[in-house]
Amino acid sequence: MPPFTALLHTKNDALRLGRALETLVPCGEILVVDHHSADATGRIAREYGARLVAADSQANPQRYLELARFDWIFCLDPGDPSLKVCKQACSNGARCRATGL
């Protein structure tokens, strides 16, 4: 499986972000776009080694895709139920049926 970037958009997701990032540790890169959180979202993202980018309300959404290091990009929400499905796929190097990764 080629390396891929996990891209998450967050805003005040400190309570669920840790679980999401723990699932994504096997990814080649974790990119968190934070939309001006007032909680510990940024600190938690950095603790898991994620690259943290501040969201720009004027930016074209394509900008965040261009920041990814890898050609394959998995975009998701920190509360996305497919994280549970993909945890095993990422760990085993298998393709995830739910997302195609």
PDB file of N, CA and C in Angstrom:
ATOM      1  N   MET A   1       0.850  -1.173   0.000  1.00  0.00           N
ATOM      2  CA  MET A   1       0.000   0.000   0.000  1.00  0.00           C
ATOM      3  C   MET A   1       0.895   1.235   0.000  1.00  0.00           C
ATOM      4  N   PRO A   2       0.630   2.196  -0.879  1.00  0.00           N
ATOM      5  CA  PRO A   2       1.447   3.408  -0.892  1.00  0.00           C
ATOM      6  C   PRO A   2       1.171   4.249   0.356  1.00  0.00           C
ATOM      7  N   PRO A   3       2.130   5.050   0.774  1.00  0.00           N
ATOM      8  CA  PRO A   3       1.884   5.926   1.929  1.00  0.00           C
ATOM      9  C   PRO A   3       0.814   6.951   1.566  1.00  0.00           C
ATOM     10  N   PHE A   4       0.066   7.372   2.567  1.00  0.00           N
ATOM     11  CA  PHE A   4      -0.969   8.366   2.322  1.00  0.00           C
ATOM     12  C   PHE A   4      -1.046   9.353   3.466  1.00  0.00           C
ATOM     13  N   THR A   5      -1.683  10.470   3.179  1.00  0.00           N
ATOM     14  CA  THR A   5      -1.902  11.537   4.156  1.00  0.00           C
ATOM     15  C   THR A   5      -3.331  11.433   4.667  1.00  0.00           C
ATOM     16  N   ALA A   6      -3.483  11.477   5.974  1.00  0.00           N
ATOM     17  CA  ALA A   6      -4.805  11.595   6.582  1.00  0.00           C
ATOM     18  C   ALA A   6      -5.026  13.086   6.840  1.00  0.00           C
ATOM     19  N   LEU A   7      -6.105  13.632   6.316  1.00  0.00           N
ATOM     20  CA  LEU A   7      -6.415  15.052   6.433  1.00  0.00           C
ATOM     21  C   LEU A   7      -7.698  15.222   7.233  1.00  0.00           C
ATOM     22  N   LEU A   8      -7.592  15.914   8.354  1.00  0.00           N
ATOM     23  CA  LEU A   8      -8.751  16.137   9.221  1.00  0.00           C
ATOM     24  C   LEU A   8      -8.982  17.626   9.418  1.00  0.00           C
ATOM     25  N   HIS A   9     -10.225  18.051   9.306  1.00  0.00           N
ATOM     26  CA  HIS A   9     -10.615  19.417   9.650  1.00  0.00           C
ATOM     27  C   HIS A   9     -11.202  19.364  11.054  1.00  0.00           C
ATOM     28  N   THR A  10     -10.763  20.269  11.916  1.00  0.00           N
ATOM     29  CA  THR A  10     -11.221  20.251  13.298  1.00  0.00           C
ATOM     30  C   THR A  10     -11.662  21.637  13.762  1.00  0.00           C
ATOM     31  N   LYS A  11     -12.525  21.634  14.747  1.00  0.00           N
ATOM     32  CA  LYS A  11     -12.878  22.834  15.502  1.00  0.00           C
ATOM     33  C   LYS A  11     -13.410  22.364  16.850  1.00  0.00           C
ATOM     34  N   ASN A  12     -12.636  22.646  17.880  1.00  0.00           N
ATOM     35  CA  ASN A  12     -13.004  22.251  19.246  1.00  0.00           C
ATOM     36  C   ASN A  12     -13.310  20.756  19.344  1.00  0.00           C
ATOM     37  N   ASP A  13     -12.417  19.943  18.792  1.00  0.00           N
ATOM     38  CA  ASP A  13     -12.584  18.489  18.787  1.00  0.00           C
ATOM     39  C   ASP A  13     -11.667  17.787  19.782  1.00  0.00           C
ATOM     40  N   ALA A  14     -11.218  18.473  20.807  1.00  0.00           N
ATOM     41  CA  ALA A  14     -10.257  17.891  21.747  1.00  0.00           C
ATOM     42  C   ALA A  14     -10.767  16.589  22.362  1.00  0.00           C
ATOM     43  N   LEU A  15     -12.051  16.478  22.636  1.00  0.00           N
ATOM     44  CA  LEU A  15     -12.578  15.284  23.301  1.00  0.00           C
ATOM     45  C   LEU A  15     -12.533  14.031  22.435  1.00  0.00           C
ATOM     46  N   ARG A  16     -12.562  14.177  21.120  1.00  0.00           N
ATOM     47  CA  ARG A  16     -12.558  12.988  20.272  1.00  0.00           C
ATOM     48  C   ARG A  16     -11.338  12.883  19.357  1.00  0.00           C
ATOM     49  N   LEU A  17     -10.523  13.921  19.313  1.00  0.00           N
ATOM     50  CA  LEU A  17      -9.394  13.932  18.391  1.00  0.00           C
ATOM     51  C   LEU A  17      -8.333  12.892  18.736  1.00  0.00           C
ATOM     52  N   GLY A  18      -8.049  12.691  20.003  1.00  0.00           N
ATOM     53  CA  GLY A  18      -7.039  11.714  20.401  1.00  0.00           C
ATOM     54  C   GLY A  18      -7.336  10.322  19.890  1.00  0.00           C
ATOM     55  N   ARG A  19      -8.578   9.888  20.022  1.00  0.00           N
ATOM     56  CA  ARG A  19      -8.959   8.558  19.516  1.00  0.00           C
ATOM     57  C   ARG A  19      -8.792   8.477  18.009  1.00  0.00           C
ATOM     58  N   ALA A  20      -9.173   9.530  17.318  1.00  0.00           N
ATOM     59  CA  ALA A  20      -9.042   9.539  15.858  1.00  0.00           C
ATOM     60  C   ALA A  20      -7.579   9.468  15.455  1.00  0.00           C
ATOM     61  N   LEU A  21      -6.732  10.262  16.087  1.00  0.00           N
ATOM     62  CA  LEU A  21      -5.321  10.291  15.722  1.00  0.00           C
ATOM     63  C   LEU A  21      -4.613   8.999  16.098  1.00  0.00           C
ATOM     64  N   GLU A  22      -5.016   8.395  17.178  1.00  0.00           N
ATOM     65  CA  GLU A  22      -4.436   7.101  17.564  1.00  0.00           C
ATOM     66  C   GLU A  22      -4.685   6.063  16.474  1.00  0.00           C
ATOM     67  N   THR A  23      -5.846   6.100  15.888  1.00  0.00           N
ATOM     68  CA  THR A  23      -6.189   5.186  14.804  1.00  0.00           C
ATOM     69  C   THR A  23      -5.337   5.443  13.567  1.00  0.00           C
ATOM     70  N   LEU A  24      -4.956   6.690  13.358  1.00  0.00           N
ATOM     71  CA  LEU A  24      -4.259   7.088  12.144  1.00  0.00           C
ATOM     72  C   LEU A  24      -2.739   7.087  12.251  1.00  0.00           C
ATOM     73  N   VAL A  25      -2.203   6.679  13.383  1.00  0.00           N
ATOM     74  CA  VAL A  25      -0.747   6.672  13.577  1.00  0.00           C
ATOM     75  C   VAL A  25      -0.001   5.946  12.450  1.00  0.00           C
ATOM     76  N   PRO A  26      -0.515   4.830  11.898  1.00  0.00           N
ATOM     77  CA  PRO A  26       0.218   4.157  10.815  1.00  0.00           C
ATOM     78  C   PRO A  26       0.299   4.950   9.505  1.00  0.00           C
ATOM     79  N   CYS A  27      -0.442   6.034   9.376  1.00  0.00           N
ATOM     80  CA  CYS A  27      -0.417   6.823   8.140  1.00  0.00           C
ATOM     81  C   CYS A  27       0.956   7.447   7.944  1.00  0.00           C
ATOM     82  N   GLY A  28       1.287   7.713   6.698  1.00  0.00           N
ATOM     83  CA  GLY A  28       2.554   8.360   6.399  1.00  0.00           C
ATOM     84  C   GLY A  28       2.605   9.782   6.920  1.00  0.00           C
ATOM     85  N   GLU A  29       1.449  10.432   6.987  1.00  0.00           N
ATOM     86  CA  GLU A  29       1.362  11.809   7.465  1.00  0.00           C
ATOM     87  C   GLU A  29      -0.044  12.055   7.988  1.00  0.00           C
ATOM     88  N   ILE A  30      -0.132  12.822   9.059  1.00  0.00           N
ATOM     89  CA  ILE A  30      -1.423  13.281   9.572  1.00  0.00           C
ATOM     90  C   ILE A  30      -1.403  14.801   9.513  1.00  0.00           C
ATOM     91  N   LEU A  31      -2.340  15.363   8.774  1.00  0.00           N
ATOM     92  CA  LEU A  31      -2.438  16.805   8.592  1.00  0.00           C
ATOM     93  C   LEU A  31      -3.761  17.259   9.206  1.00  0.00           C
ATOM     94  N   VAL A  32      -3.683  18.109  10.208  1.00  0.00           N
ATOM     95  CA  VAL A  32      -4.869  18.617  10.895  1.00  0.00           C
ATOM     96  C   VAL A  32      -5.037  20.088  10.537  1.00  0.00           C
ATOM     97  N   VAL A  33      -6.178  20.412   9.936  1.00  0.00           N
ATOM     98  CA  VAL A  33      -6.529  21.793   9.623  1.00  0.00           C
ATOM     99  C   VAL A  33      -7.477  22.252  10.717  1.00  0.00           C
ATOM    100  N   ASP A  34      -6.993  23.138  11.573  1.00  0.00           N
ATOM    101  CA  ASP A  34      -7.796  23.568  12.713  1.00  0.00           C
ATOM    102  C   ASP A  34      -8.487  24.895  12.412  1.00  0.00           C
ATOM    103  N   HIS A  35      -9.793  24.902  12.635  1.00  0.00           N
ATOM    104  CA  HIS A  35     -10.622  26.074  12.376  1.00  0.00           C
ATOM    105  C   HIS A  35     -10.811  26.882  13.653  1.00  0.00           C
ATOM    106  N   HIS A  36      -9.703  27.370  14.181  1.00  0.00           N
ATOM    107  CA  HIS A  36      -9.675  28.302  15.314  1.00  0.00           C
ATOM    108  C   HIS A  36     -10.307  27.728  16.584  1.00  0.00           C
ATOM    109  N   SER A  37      -9.858  26.547  16.963  1.00  0.00           N
ATOM    110  CA  SER A  37     -10.367  25.902  18.178  1.00  0.00           C
ATOM    111  C   SER A  37      -9.996  26.704  19.419  1.00  0.00           C
ATOM    112  N   ALA A  38     -10.890  26.675  20.395  1.00  0.00           N
ATOM    113  CA  ALA A  38     -10.651  27.352  21.670  1.00  0.00           C
ATOM    114  C   ALA A  38     -10.310  26.353  22.768  1.00  0.00           C
ATOM    115  N   ASP A  39     -10.240  25.065  22.427  1.00  0.00           N
ATOM    116  CA  ASP A  39      -9.926  24.031  23.414  1.00  0.00           C
ATOM    117  C   ASP A  39      -8.517  23.484  23.152  1.00  0.00           C
ATOM    118  N   ALA A  40      -8.248  22.299  23.591  1.00  0.00           N
ATOM    119  CA  ALA A  40      -6.910  21.706  23.488  1.00  0.00           C
ATOM    120  C   ALA A  40      -6.666  20.958  22.181  1.00  0.00           C
ATOM    121  N   THR A  41      -7.461  21.207  21.169  1.00  0.00           N
ATOM    122  CA  THR A  41      -7.330  20.498  19.892  1.00  0.00           C
ATOM    123  C   THR A  41      -5.907  20.578  19.340  1.00  0.00           C
ATOM    124  N   GLY A  42      -5.340  21.757  19.288  1.00  0.00           N
ATOM    125  CA  GLY A  42      -3.993  21.931  18.747  1.00  0.00           C
ATOM    126  C   GLY A  42      -2.938  21.170  19.532  1.00  0.00           C
ATOM    127  N   ARG A  43      -3.019  21.232  20.823  1.00  0.00           N
ATOM    128  CA  ARG A  43      -2.053  20.524  21.673  1.00  0.00           C
ATOM    129  C   ARG A  43      -2.135  19.017  21.450  1.00  0.00           C
ATOM    130  N   ILE A  44      -3.333  18.500  21.368  1.00  0.00           N
ATOM    131  CA  ILE A  44      -3.512  17.059  21.159  1.00  0.00           C
ATOM    132  C   ILE A  44      -2.988  16.649  19.786  1.00  0.00           C
ATOM    133  N   ALA A  45      -3.265  17.437  18.770  1.00  0.00           N
ATOM    134  CA  ALA A  45      -2.762  17.126  17.422  1.00  0.00           C
ATOM    135  C   ALA A  45      -1.236  17.051  17.441  1.00  0.00           C
ATOM    136  N   ARG A  46      -0.583  18.001  18.070  1.00  0.00           N
ATOM    137  CA  ARG A  46       0.883  17.999  18.138  1.00  0.00           C
ATOM    138  C   ARG A  46       1.409  16.815  18.939  1.00  0.00           C
ATOM    139  N   GLU A  47       0.721  16.427  20.006  1.00  0.00           N
ATOM    140  CA  GLU A  47       1.147  15.273  20.818  1.00  0.00           C
ATOM    141  C   GLU A  47       1.194  13.990  19.988  1.00  0.00           C
ATOM    142  N   TYR A  48       0.333  13.884  19.002  1.00  0.00           N
ATOM    143  CA  TYR A  48       0.291  12.693  18.149  1.00  0.00           C
ATOM    144  C   TYR A  48       1.167  12.841  16.901  1.00  0.00           C
ATOM    145  N   GLY A  49       1.927  13.903  16.844  1.00  0.00           N
ATOM    146  CA  GLY A  49       2.834  14.096  15.725  1.00  0.00           C
ATOM    147  C   GLY A  49       2.182  14.611  14.456  1.00  0.00           C
ATOM    148  N   ALA A  50       0.971  15.097  14.574  1.00  0.00           N
ATOM    149  CA  ALA A  50       0.278  15.632  13.407  1.00  0.00           C
ATOM    150  C   ALA A  50       0.859  16.989  13.035  1.00  0.00           C
ATOM    151  N   ARG A  51       0.815  17.274  11.762  1.00  0.00           N
ATOM    152  CA  ARG A  51       1.187  18.610  11.300  1.00  0.00           C
ATOM    153  C   ARG A  51      -0.067  19.466  11.414  1.00  0.00           C
ATOM    154  N   LEU A  52       0.018  20.551  12.135  1.00  0.00           N
ATOM    155  CA  LEU A  52      -1.128  21.411  12.423  1.00  0.00           C
ATOM    156  C   LEU A  52      -1.064  22.656  11.549  1.00  0.00           C
ATOM    157  N   VAL A  53      -2.171  22.932  10.860  1.00  0.00           N
ATOM    158  CA  VAL A  53      -2.275  24.091   9.985  1.00  0.00           C
ATOM    159  C   VAL A  53      -3.500  24.884  10.417  1.00  0.00           C
ATOM    160  N   ALA A  54      -3.342  26.192  10.545  1.00  0.00           N
ATOM    161  CA  ALA A  54      -4.484  27.041  10.887  1.00  0.00           C
ATOM    162  C   ALA A  54      -5.336  27.246   9.642  1.00  0.00           C
ATOM    163  N   ALA A  55      -6.635  27.057   9.786  1.00  0.00           N
ATOM    164  CA  ALA A  55      -7.562  27.250   8.676  1.00  0.00           C
ATOM    165  C   ALA A  55      -7.644  28.726   8.323  1.00  0.00           C
ATOM    166  N   ASP A  56      -7.805  28.981   7.063  1.00  0.00           N
ATOM    167  CA  ASP A  56      -7.955  30.332   6.554  1.00  0.00           C
ATOM    168  C   ASP A  56      -9.317  30.402   5.876  1.00  0.00           C
ATOM    169  N   SER A  57     -10.211  31.217   6.399  1.00  0.00           N
ATOM    170  CA  SER A  57     -11.569  31.269   5.857  1.00  0.00           C
ATOM    171  C   SER A  57     -11.601  31.783   4.418  1.00  0.00           C
ATOM    172  N   GLN A  58     -10.556  32.446   3.978  1.00  0.00           N
ATOM    173  CA  GLN A  58     -10.483  32.968   2.622  1.00  0.00           C
ATOM    174  C   GLN A  58      -9.832  31.984   1.647  1.00  0.00           C
ATOM    175  N   ALA A  59      -9.254  30.908   2.170  1.00  0.00           N
ATOM    176  CA  ALA A  59      -8.502  29.975   1.325  1.00  0.00           C
ATOM    177  C   ALA A  59      -9.433  29.059   0.540  1.00  0.00           C
ATOM    178  N   ASN A  60      -8.991  28.712  -0.629  1.00  0.00           N
ATOM    179  CA  ASN A  60      -9.663  27.705  -1.439  1.00  0.00           C
ATOM    180  C   ASN A  60      -9.426  26.352  -0.768  1.00  0.00           C
ATOM    181  N   PRO A  61     -10.440  25.507  -0.616  1.00  0.00           N
ATOM    182  CA  PRO A  61     -10.239  24.198   0.022  1.00  0.00           C
ATOM    183  C   PRO A  61      -9.149  23.357  -0.640  1.00  0.00           C
ATOM    184  N   GLN A  62      -8.902  23.581  -1.904  1.00  0.00           N
ATOM    185  CA  GLN A  62      -7.848  22.867  -2.622  1.00  0.00           C
ATOM    186  C   GLN A  62      -6.475  23.113  -1.967  1.00  0.00           C
ATOM    187  N   ARG A  63      -6.321  24.254  -1.329  1.00  0.00           N
ATOM    188  CA  ARG A  63      -5.050  24.611  -0.691  1.00  0.00           C
ATOM    189  C   ARG A  63      -4.611  23.545   0.302  1.00  0.00           C
ATOM    190  N   TYR A  64      -5.528  23.009   1.067  1.00  0.00           N
ATOM    191  CA  TYR A  64      -5.178  22.024   2.087  1.00  0.00           C
ATOM    192  C   TYR A  64      -4.751  20.710   1.455  1.00  0.00           C
ATOM    193  N   LEU A  65      -5.349  20.354   0.335  1.00  0.00           N
ATOM    194  CA  LEU A  65      -4.929  19.145  -0.374  1.00  0.00           C
ATOM    195  C   LEU A  65      -3.507  19.311  -0.902  1.00  0.00           C
ATOM    196  N   GLU A  66      -3.173  20.503  -1.323  1.00  0.00           N
ATOM    197  CA  GLU A  66      -1.839  20.772  -1.848  1.00  0.00           C
ATOM    198  C   GLU A  66      -0.761  20.722  -0.769  1.00  0.00           C
ATOM    199  N   LEU A  67      -1.148  20.830   0.490  1.00  0.00           N
ATOM    200  CA  LEU A  67      -0.185  20.763   1.597  1.00  0.00           C
ATOM    201  C   LEU A  67       0.220  19.327   1.920  1.00  0.00           C
ATOM    202  N   ALA A  68      -0.544  18.365   1.444  1.00  0.00           N
ATOM    203  CA  ALA A  68      -0.271  16.951   1.746  1.00  0.00           C
ATOM    204  C   ALA A  68       1.035  16.508   1.097  1.00  0.00           C
ATOM    205  N   ARG A  69       1.796  15.697   1.811  1.00  0.00           N
ATOM    206  CA  ARG A  69       3.070  15.186   1.300  1.00  0.00           C
ATOM    207  C   ARG A  69       2.882  14.040   0.312  1.00  0.00           C
ATOM    208  N   PHE A  70       1.773  13.318   0.410  1.00  0.00           N
ATOM    209  CA  PHE A  70       1.571  12.133  -0.417  1.00  0.00           C
ATOM    210  C   PHE A  70       0.426  12.340  -1.402  1.00  0.00           C
ATOM    211  N   ASP A  71       0.463  11.578  -2.494  1.00  0.00           N
ATOM    212  CA  ASP A  71      -0.564  11.685  -3.532  1.00  0.00           C
ATOM    213  C   ASP A  71      -1.914  11.145  -3.073  1.00  0.00           C
ATOM    214  N   TRP A  72      -1.894  10.135  -2.233  1.00  0.00           N
ATOM    215  CA  TRP A  72      -3.134   9.558  -1.701  1.00  0.00           C
ATOM    216  C   TRP A  72      -3.507  10.332  -0.441  1.00  0.00           C
ATOM    217  N   ILE A  73      -4.741  10.844  -0.409  1.00  0.00           N
ATOM    218  CA  ILE A  73      -5.199  11.662   0.713  1.00  0.00           C
ATOM    219  C   ILE A  73      -6.534  11.105   1.200  1.00  0.00           C
ATOM    220  N   PHE A  74      -6.591  10.834   2.488  1.00  0.00           N
ATOM    221  CA  PHE A  74      -7.796  10.317   3.134  1.00  0.00           C
ATOM    222  C   PHE A  74      -8.374  11.446   3.975  1.00  0.00           C
ATOM    223  N   CYS A  75      -9.481  12.059   3.535  1.00  0.00           N
ATOM    224  CA  CYS A  75     -10.104  13.178   4.235  1.00  0.00           C
ATOM    225  C   CYS A  75     -11.216  12.650   5.131  1.00  0.00           C
ATOM    226  N   LEU A  76     -11.199  13.087   6.379  1.00  0.00           N
ATOM    227  CA  LEU A  76     -12.228  12.616   7.296  1.00  0.00           C
ATOM    228  C   LEU A  76     -12.447  13.580   8.439  1.00  0.00           C
ATOM    229  N   ASP A  77     -13.521  13.349   9.140  1.00  0.00           N
ATOM    230  CA  ASP A  77     -13.896  14.105  10.327  1.00  0.00           C
ATOM    231  C   ASP A  77     -13.424  13.313  11.537  1.00  0.00           C
ATOM    232  N   PRO A  78     -12.974  13.969  12.622  1.00  0.00           N
ATOM    233  CA  PRO A  78     -12.506  13.219  13.797  1.00  0.00           C
ATOM    234  C   PRO A  78     -13.512  12.231  14.367  1.00  0.00           C
ATOM    235  N   GLY A  79     -14.798  12.415  14.132  1.00  0.00           N
ATOM    236  CA  GLY A  79     -15.802  11.492  14.638  1.00  0.00           C
ATOM    237  C   GLY A  79     -16.283  10.495  13.598  1.00  0.00           C
ATOM    238  N   ASP A  80     -15.590  10.411  12.474  1.00  0.00           N
ATOM    239  CA  ASP A  80     -16.002   9.549  11.362  1.00  0.00           C
ATOM    240  C   ASP A  80     -16.002   8.078  11.775  1.00  0.00           C
ATOM    241  N   PRO A  81     -17.120   7.369  11.593  1.00  0.00           N
ATOM    242  CA  PRO A  81     -17.168   5.951  11.967  1.00  0.00           C
ATOM    243  C   PRO A  81     -16.252   5.064  11.128  1.00  0.00           C
ATOM    244  N   SER A  82     -15.835   5.516   9.947  1.00  0.00           N
ATOM    245  CA  SER A  82     -14.939   4.689   9.135  1.00  0.00           C
ATOM    246  C   SER A  82     -13.558   4.579   9.757  1.00  0.00           C
ATOM    247  N   LEU A  83     -13.242   5.397  10.753  1.00  0.00           N
ATOM    248  CA  LEU A  83     -11.956   5.275  11.444  1.00  0.00           C
ATOM    249  C   LEU A  83     -11.804   3.896  12.068  1.00  0.00           C
ATOM    250  N   LYS A  84     -12.873   3.365  12.637  1.00  0.00           N
ATOM    251  CA  LYS A  84     -12.810   2.037  13.243  1.00  0.00           C
ATOM    252  C   LYS A  84     -12.522   0.973  12.197  1.00  0.00           C
ATOM    253  N   VAL A  85     -13.141   1.109  11.037  1.00  0.00           N
ATOM    254  CA  VAL A  85     -12.947   0.150   9.961  1.00  0.00           C
ATOM    255  C   VAL A  85     -11.521   0.224   9.433  1.00  0.00           C
ATOM    256  N   CYS A  86     -10.999   1.420   9.318  1.00  0.00           N
ATOM    257  CA  CYS A  86      -9.678   1.607   8.714  1.00  0.00           C
ATOM    258  C   CYS A  86      -8.527   1.329   9.663  1.00  0.00           C
ATOM    259  N   LYS A  87      -8.763   1.295  10.960  1.00  0.00           N
ATOM    260  CA  LYS A  87      -7.682   1.053  11.902  1.00  0.00           C
ATOM    261  C   LYS A  87      -6.963  -0.253  11.586  1.00  0.00           C
ATOM    262  N   GLN A  88      -7.704  -1.314  11.390  1.00  0.00           N
ATOM    263  CA  GLN A  88      -7.097  -2.598  11.089  1.00  0.00           C
ATOM    264  C   GLN A  88      -6.460  -2.582   9.707  1.00  0.00           C
ATOM    265  N   ALA A  89      -7.111  -1.963   8.743  1.00  0.00           N
ATOM    266  CA  ALA A  89      -6.553  -1.906   7.395  1.00  0.00           C
ATOM    267  C   ALA A  89      -5.225  -1.170   7.377  1.00  0.00           C
ATOM    268  N   CYS A  90      -5.138  -0.059   8.086  1.00  0.00           N
ATOM    269  CA  CYS A  90      -3.894   0.709   8.136  1.00  0.00           C
ATOM    270  C   CYS A  90      -2.801  -0.084   8.831  1.00  0.00           C
ATOM    271  N   SER A  91      -3.139  -0.756   9.889  1.00  0.00           N
ATOM    272  CA  SER A  91      -2.161  -1.514  10.656  1.00  0.00           C
ATOM    273  C   SER A  91      -1.626  -2.709   9.886  1.00  0.00           C
ATOM    274  N   ASN A  92      -2.488  -3.353   9.097  1.00  0.00           N
ATOM    275  CA  ASN A  92      -2.099  -4.561   8.373  1.00  0.00           C
ATOM    276  C   ASN A  92      -1.608  -4.282   6.964  1.00  0.00           C
ATOM    277  N   GLY A  93      -1.704  -3.049   6.516  1.00  0.00           N
ATOM    278  CA  GLY A  93      -1.303  -2.725   5.160  1.00  0.00           C
ATOM    279  C   GLY A  93      -2.301  -3.205   4.125  1.00  0.00           C
ATOM    280  N   ALA A  94      -3.490  -3.574   4.564  1.00  0.00           N
ATOM    281  CA  ALA A  94      -4.530  -4.047   3.645  1.00  0.00           C
ATOM    282  C   ALA A  94      -5.338  -2.857   3.123  1.00  0.00           C
ATOM    283  N   ARG A  95      -6.124  -3.081   2.093  1.00  0.00           N
ATOM    284  CA  ARG A  95      -6.980  -2.039   1.574  1.00  0.00           C
ATOM    285  C   ARG A  95      -8.281  -2.023   2.364  1.00  0.00           C
ATOM    286  N   CYS A  96      -8.729  -0.842   2.705  1.00  0.00           N
ATOM    287  CA  CYS A  96      -9.966  -0.674   3.448  1.00  0.00           C
ATOM    288  C   CYS A  96     -11.131  -0.650   2.471  1.00  0.00           C
ATOM    289  N   ARG A  97     -12.061  -1.564   2.601  1.00  0.00           N
ATOM    290  CA  ARG A  97     -13.199  -1.646   1.684  1.00  0.00           C
ATOM    291  C   ARG A  97     -14.081  -0.400   1.773  1.00  0.00           C
ATOM    292  N   ALA A  98     -14.217   0.177   2.953  1.00  0.00           N
ATOM    293  CA  ALA A  98     -15.121   1.317   3.127  1.00  0.00           C
ATOM    294  C   ALA A  98     -14.606   2.562   2.396  1.00  0.00           C
ATOM    295  N   THR A  99     -13.302   2.709   2.293  1.00  0.00           N
ATOM    296  CA  THR A  99     -12.751   3.943   1.730  1.00  0.00           C
ATOM    297  C   THR A  99     -11.901   3.718   0.490  1.00  0.00           C
ATOM    298  N   GLY A 100     -11.560   2.484   0.201  1.00  0.00           N
ATOM    299  CA  GLY A 100     -10.686   2.209  -0.929  1.00  0.00           C
ATOM    300  C   GLY A 100      -9.219   2.327  -0.616  1.00  0.00           C
ATOM    301  N   LEU A 101      -8.899   2.615   0.624  1.00  0.00           N
ATOM    302  CA  LEU A 101      -7.482   2.738   1.027  1.00  0.00           C
ATOM    303  C   LEU A 101      -6.937   1.416   1.450  1.00  0.00           C
TER     304      LEU A 101
END
